[in-house]
Amino acid sequence: MKTKYLFLIVIFTMVFSTNAQDRSNFKVGLNAGLPVGDASDVSSFSIGLDVVYHWGVSELLDVGLATGFTNAFGETETITDGAFEIETGFEDFQFLPVAASFRVYPTFSFKLGADVGYAIGINEGNEGGFYYRPLVGYNITGNTELNISYTAVDNNGTFGVATLGILFLF
C-alpha cells in the first residue's frame, strides 16, 4: 500500500514539475507613475525597474518572486508670504521591493495579479514598509506585456503610486 501511494506521489510530482517548467518565465521591464494621496504632496513623478520570475502552477495561475527598484522624485515647493518667498524641497524616495507574486489568467492575453512583500527603503531616513501592488496586465505580443498597477508602501502612512509599465519576457 505504501508503494502505491509513493508511486502516485512521484507521478503527481513529475507531472506538476513538468507543467511548471514549461510555463516558467523571467520578465524585466520599466514603469512610470504618478504619486497619489499623501505621496502627491511630496513627490511629483516616479520611475521604476521590475524584475519578476514566475512558475506556471496551472493553465490559469502563475506564482513567483518579484523585485525591482522605484525612485519617486521629490517635489520642490515655493511658499510666498507677502514679500517673503521660501522654497522647500523633498528628497527622492527610493524603494527596493522583495515580494511574492501571483498572476491569474482569465484569458490568454489578459491577467490579474498582485505582488506582496516588503519594500526596503534605500534613501536616508526611509525605513521601508509593507509592500503591495495589485495589477492588471495585457499581453501585447508573446513576449511583451503592458500593465497598470497601484504600488503602495505602508509604514505609518501609505506612499502610493499609480503606474503604467511594460515588461519583456525572456
C-alpha atoms as a PDB file:
ATOM      1  CA  MET A   1       0.000   0.000   0.000  1.00  0.00           C
ATOM      2  CA  LYS A   2       2.861   2.381   0.860  1.00  0.00           C
ATOM      3  CA  THR A   3       4.447   1.653  -2.527  1.00  0.00           C
ATOM      4  CA  LYS A   4       1.200   2.556  -4.292  1.00  0.00           C
ATOM      5  CA  TYR A   5       0.990   5.937  -2.515  1.00  0.00           C
ATOM      6  CA  LEU A   6       4.657   6.624  -3.101  1.00  0.00           C
ATOM      7  CA  PHE A   7       4.213   5.828  -6.802  1.00  0.00           C
ATOM      8  CA  LEU A   8       1.220   8.221  -7.041  1.00  0.00           C
ATOM      9  CA  ILE A   9       3.155  10.973  -5.271  1.00  0.00           C
ATOM     10  CA  VAL A  10       6.130  10.546  -7.620  1.00  0.00           C
ATOM     11  CA  ILE A  11       3.863  10.636 -10.721  1.00  0.00           C
ATOM     12  CA  PHE A  12       1.993  13.695  -9.412  1.00  0.00           C
ATOM     13  CA  THR A  13       5.284  15.483  -8.659  1.00  0.00           C
ATOM     14  CA  MET A  14       6.670  14.711 -12.110  1.00  0.00           C
ATOM     15  CA  VAL A  15       3.516  15.975 -13.851  1.00  0.00           C
ATOM     16  CA  PHE A  16       3.435  19.111 -11.686  1.00  0.00           C
ATOM     17  CA  SER A  17       7.157  19.791 -12.238  1.00  0.00           C
ATOM     18  CA  THR A  18       6.920  19.298 -15.990  1.00  0.00           C
ATOM     19  CA  ASN A  19       3.971  21.669 -16.232  1.00  0.00           C
ATOM     20  CA  ALA A  20       5.716  24.271 -14.074  1.00  0.00           C
ATOM     21  CA  GLN A  21       8.922  24.098 -16.122  1.00  0.00           C
ATOM     22  CA  ASP A  22       7.014  24.632 -19.376  1.00  0.00           C
ATOM     23  CA  ARG A  23       5.427  27.832 -18.070  1.00  0.00           C
ATOM     24  CA  SER A  24       8.372  29.313 -16.167  1.00  0.00           C
ATOM     25  CA  ASN A  25       9.282  32.799 -17.314  1.00  0.00           C
ATOM     26  CA  PHE A  26      11.573  35.672 -16.453  1.00  0.00           C
ATOM     27  CA  LYS A  27      10.354  39.247 -17.036  1.00  0.00           C
ATOM     28  CA  VAL A  28      12.188  42.564 -16.888  1.00  0.00           C
ATOM     29  CA  GLY A  29      10.605  45.930 -17.523  1.00  0.00           C
ATOM     30  CA  LEU A  30      10.165  49.603 -16.745  1.00  0.00           C
ATOM     31  CA  ASN A  31       7.340  51.560 -15.188  1.00  0.00           C
ATOM     32  CA  ALA A  32       6.461  55.205 -14.728  1.00  0.00           C
ATOM     33  CA  GLY A  33       3.885  56.633 -12.378  1.00  0.00           C
ATOM     34  CA  LEU A  34       2.191  59.495 -10.660  1.00  0.00           C
ATOM     35  CA  PRO A  35       2.091  59.631  -6.856  1.00  0.00           C
ATOM     36  CA  VAL A  36      -1.418  59.623  -5.401  1.00  0.00           C
ATOM     37  CA  GLY A  37      -2.825  60.546  -1.996  1.00  0.00           C
ATOM     38  CA  ASP A  38      -0.313  61.790   0.566  1.00  0.00           C
ATOM     39  CA  ALA A  39       2.591  60.886  -1.724  1.00  0.00           C
ATOM     40  CA  SER A  40       1.497  63.562  -4.213  1.00  0.00           C
ATOM     41  CA  ASP A  41       2.296  66.225  -1.578  1.00  0.00           C
ATOM     42  CA  VAL A  42       5.983  65.305  -1.500  1.00  0.00           C
ATOM     43  CA  SER A  43       6.636  63.725  -4.905  1.00  0.00           C
ATOM     44  CA  SER A  44       5.773  64.552  -8.496  1.00  0.00           C
ATOM     45  CA  PHE A  45       6.760  61.541 -10.610  1.00  0.00           C
ATOM     46  CA  SER A  46       8.240  58.063 -10.276  1.00  0.00           C
ATOM     47  CA  ILE A  47      10.148  55.625 -12.446  1.00  0.00           C
ATOM     48  CA  GLY A  48      10.975  52.048 -11.702  1.00  0.00           C
ATOM     49  CA  LEU A  49      12.511  48.780 -12.796  1.00  0.00           C
ATOM     50  CA  ASP A  50      10.606  45.486 -12.449  1.00  0.00           C
ATOM     51  CA  VAL A  51      12.190  42.031 -12.279  1.00  0.00           C
ATOM     52  CA  VAL A  52       9.819  39.043 -11.963  1.00  0.00           C
ATOM     53  CA  TYR A  53      10.217  35.264 -12.137  1.00  0.00           C
ATOM     54  CA  HIS A  54       7.089  33.100 -12.372  1.00  0.00           C
ATOM     55  CA  TRP A  55       6.474  29.371 -12.314  1.00  0.00           C
ATOM     56  CA  GLY A  56       3.355  28.076 -14.034  1.00  0.00           C
ATOM     57  CA  VAL A  57       1.288  26.208 -11.459  1.00  0.00           C
ATOM     58  CA  SER A  58      -1.633  25.613 -13.811  1.00  0.00           C
ATOM     59  CA  GLU A  59      -3.000  26.994 -17.068  1.00  0.00           C
ATOM     60  CA  LEU A  60      -4.676  29.772 -15.103  1.00  0.00           C
ATOM     61  CA  LEU A  61      -2.149  30.546 -12.358  1.00  0.00           C
ATOM     62  CA  ASP A  62       1.493  31.602 -12.099  1.00  0.00           C
ATOM     63  CA  VAL A  63       3.316  32.163  -8.802  1.00  0.00           C
ATOM     64  CA  GLY A  64       6.776  33.565  -8.241  1.00  0.00           C
ATOM     65  CA  LEU A  65       9.038  36.274  -6.898  1.00  0.00           C
ATOM     66  CA  ALA A  66       9.231  39.966  -7.719  1.00  0.00           C
ATOM     67  CA  THR A  67      11.765  42.691  -7.047  1.00  0.00           C
ATOM     68  CA  GLY A  68      12.994  45.849  -8.727  1.00  0.00           C
ATOM     69  CA  PHE A  69      13.686  49.461  -7.883  1.00  0.00           C
ATOM     70  CA  THR A  70      11.418  52.504  -7.579  1.00  0.00           C
ATOM     71  CA  ASN A  71      12.508  56.138  -7.430  1.00  0.00           C
ATOM     72  CA  ALA A  72       9.877  58.783  -6.678  1.00  0.00           C
ATOM     73  CA  PHE A  73      11.292  62.221  -7.362  1.00  0.00           C
ATOM     74  CA  GLY A  74      10.953  64.728  -4.511  1.00  0.00           C
ATOM     75  CA  GLU A  75       8.946  67.829  -5.205  1.00  0.00           C
ATOM     76  CA  THR A  76      10.114  71.397  -4.718  1.00  0.00           C
ATOM     77  CA  GLU A  77       7.535  73.858  -3.439  1.00  0.00           C
ATOM     78  CA  THR A  78       7.673  77.639  -3.146  1.00  0.00           C
ATOM     79  CA  ILE A  79       5.726  79.275  -0.317  1.00  0.00           C
ATOM     80  CA  THR A  80       5.046  83.002  -0.661  1.00  0.00           C
ATOM     81  CA  ASP A  81       4.066  85.142   2.316  1.00  0.00           C
ATOM     82  CA  GLY A  82       3.923  88.760   1.302  1.00  0.00           C
ATOM     83  CA  ALA A  83       7.472  89.858   0.495  1.00  0.00           C
ATOM     84  CA  PHE A  84       8.988  86.599   1.677  1.00  0.00           C
ATOM     85  CA  GLU A  85       9.451  83.594  -0.518  1.00  0.00           C
ATOM     86  CA  ILE A  86      10.557  80.255   0.907  1.00  0.00           C
ATOM     87  CA  GLU A  87      11.492  77.301  -1.222  1.00  0.00           C
ATOM     88  CA  THR A  88      11.215  73.836   0.294  1.00  0.00           C
ATOM     89  CA  GLY A  89      12.326  70.601  -1.254  1.00  0.00           C
ATOM     90  CA  PHE A  90      11.671  66.968  -0.521  1.00  0.00           C
ATOM     91  CA  GLU A  91      14.185  64.177  -1.013  1.00  0.00           C
ATOM     92  CA  ASP A  92      13.675  61.426  -3.566  1.00  0.00           C
ATOM     93  CA  PHE A  93      12.045  58.281  -2.176  1.00  0.00           C
ATOM     94  CA  GLN A  94      13.731  55.049  -3.231  1.00  0.00           C
ATOM     95  CA  PHE A  95      12.487  51.511  -2.598  1.00  0.00           C
ATOM     96  CA  LEU A  96      13.693  48.007  -3.343  1.00  0.00           C
ATOM     97  CA  PRO A  97      10.701  45.635  -3.120  1.00  0.00           C
ATOM     98  CA  VAL A  98      11.109  41.957  -2.252  1.00  0.00           C
ATOM     99  CA  ALA A  99       7.791  40.206  -2.811  1.00  0.00           C
ATOM    100  CA  ALA A 100       5.835  37.077  -3.555  1.00  0.00           C
ATOM    101  CA  SER A 101       3.953  37.363  -6.824  1.00  0.00           C
ATOM    102  CA  PHE A 102       0.964  35.711  -8.472  1.00  0.00           C
ATOM    103  CA  ARG A 103      -0.920  36.103 -11.737  1.00  0.00           C
ATOM    104  CA  VAL A 104      -4.323  34.719 -12.714  1.00  0.00           C
ATOM    105  CA  TYR A 105      -5.140  34.382 -16.438  1.00  0.00           C
ATOM    106  CA  PRO A 106      -8.876  34.663 -17.228  1.00  0.00           C
ATOM    107  CA  THR A 107      -7.853  34.688 -20.936  1.00  0.00           C
ATOM    108  CA  PHE A 108      -4.589  34.139 -22.794  1.00  0.00           C
ATOM    109  CA  SER A 109      -3.906  37.879 -23.222  1.00  0.00           C
ATOM    110  CA  PHE A 110      -5.403  39.288 -20.041  1.00  0.00           C
ATOM    111  CA  LYS A 111      -4.091  38.819 -16.482  1.00  0.00           C
ATOM    112  CA  LEU A 112      -4.842  39.937 -12.945  1.00  0.00           C
ATOM    113  CA  GLY A 113      -2.361  39.701 -10.130  1.00  0.00           C
ATOM    114  CA  ALA A 114      -0.512  41.170  -7.200  1.00  0.00           C
ATOM    115  CA  ASP A 115       2.904  41.382  -5.607  1.00  0.00           C
ATOM    116  CA  VAL A 116       3.009  41.364  -1.793  1.00  0.00           C
ATOM    117  CA  GLY A 117       6.056  41.666   0.441  1.00  0.00           C
ATOM    118  CA  TYR A 118       8.383  44.237   1.953  1.00  0.00           C
ATOM    119  CA  ALA A 119       9.889  47.372   0.371  1.00  0.00           C
ATOM    120  CA  ILE A 120      13.377  48.156   1.649  1.00  0.00           C
ATOM    121  CA  GLY A 121      13.955  51.900   1.946  1.00  0.00           C
ATOM    122  CA  ILE A 122      17.142  52.890   0.109  1.00  0.00           C
ATOM    123  CA  ASN A 123      17.490  56.617   0.747  1.00  0.00           C
ATOM    124  CA  GLU A 124      18.457  58.039   4.148  1.00  0.00           C
ATOM    125  CA  GLY A 125      15.569  58.209   6.608  1.00  0.00           C
ATOM    126  CA  ASN A 126      13.407  55.835   4.569  1.00  0.00           C
ATOM    127  CA  GLU A 127      12.558  52.823   6.718  1.00  0.00           C
ATOM    128  CA  GLY A 128      10.610  50.984   4.018  1.00  0.00           C
ATOM    129  CA  GLY A 129       7.463  49.080   4.890  1.00  0.00           C
ATOM    130  CA  PHE A 130       4.784  46.622   3.845  1.00  0.00           C
ATOM    131  CA  TYR A 131       4.655  46.499   0.039  1.00  0.00           C
ATOM    132  CA  TYR A 132       1.691  45.605  -2.147  1.00  0.00           C
ATOM    133  CA  ARG A 133       0.993  46.068  -5.815  1.00  0.00           C
ATOM    134  CA  PRO A 134      -2.270  44.911  -7.415  1.00  0.00           C
ATOM    135  CA  LEU A 135      -2.102  44.984 -11.220  1.00  0.00           C
ATOM    136  CA  VAL A 136      -3.885  44.305 -14.475  1.00  0.00           C
ATOM    137  CA  GLY A 137      -1.822  43.195 -17.478  1.00  0.00           C
ATOM    138  CA  TYR A 138      -2.306  42.646 -21.187  1.00  0.00           C
ATOM    139  CA  ASN A 139      -0.019  40.632 -23.485  1.00  0.00           C
ATOM    140  CA  ILE A 140       0.744  42.865 -26.480  1.00  0.00           C
ATOM    141  CA  THR A 141       2.789  40.128 -28.140  1.00  0.00           C
ATOM    142  CA  GLY A 142       4.005  36.723 -27.000  1.00  0.00           C
ATOM    143  CA  ASN A 143       6.929  38.313 -25.153  1.00  0.00           C
ATOM    144  CA  THR A 144       5.719  41.839 -24.294  1.00  0.00           C
ATOM    145  CA  GLU A 145       3.267  42.824 -21.564  1.00  0.00           C
ATOM    146  CA  LEU A 146       1.645  46.186 -20.807  1.00  0.00           C
ATOM    147  CA  ASN A 147       0.299  46.672 -17.284  1.00  0.00           C
ATOM    148  CA  ILE A 148      -1.262  49.214 -14.966  1.00  0.00           C
ATOM    149  CA  SER A 149      -0.871  48.967 -11.219  1.00  0.00           C
ATOM    150  CA  TYR A 150      -1.110  50.688  -7.892  1.00  0.00           C
ATOM    151  CA  THR A 151       2.149  50.445  -5.947  1.00  0.00           C
ATOM    152  CA  ALA A 152       1.957  51.131  -2.221  1.00  0.00           C
ATOM    153  CA  VAL A 153       4.362  51.087   0.717  1.00  0.00           C
ATOM    154  CA  ASP A 154       2.758  51.225   4.178  1.00  0.00           C
ATOM    155  CA  ASN A 155       4.687  52.414   7.223  1.00  0.00           C
ATOM    156  CA  ASN A 156       2.883  54.951   9.413  1.00  0.00           C
ATOM    157  CA  GLY A 157       1.031  56.130   6.320  1.00  0.00           C
ATOM    158  CA  THR A 158       0.806  54.989   2.731  1.00  0.00           C
ATOM    159  CA  PHE A 159       3.122  56.065  -0.062  1.00  0.00           C
ATOM    160  CA  GLY A 160       1.122  55.224  -3.201  1.00  0.00           C
ATOM    161  CA  VAL A 161       1.882  55.500  -6.923  1.00  0.00           C
ATOM    162  CA  ALA A 162      -0.372  54.733  -9.910  1.00  0.00           C
ATOM    163  CA  THR A 163       1.901  53.223 -12.581  1.00  0.00           C
ATOM    164  CA  LEU A 164       1.966  52.187 -16.214  1.00  0.00           C
ATOM    165  CA  GLY A 165       4.593  49.614 -17.116  1.00  0.00           C
ATOM    166  CA  ILE A 166       5.971  47.448 -19.873  1.00  0.00           C
ATOM    167  CA  LEU A 167       7.602  44.052 -19.302  1.00  0.00           C
ATOM    168  CA  PHE A 168       9.646  41.893 -21.647  1.00  0.00           C
ATOM    169  CA  LEU A 169       9.571  38.109 -21.325  1.00  0.00           C
ATOM    170  CA  PHE A 170      12.843  36.157 -21.513  1.00  0.00           C
END
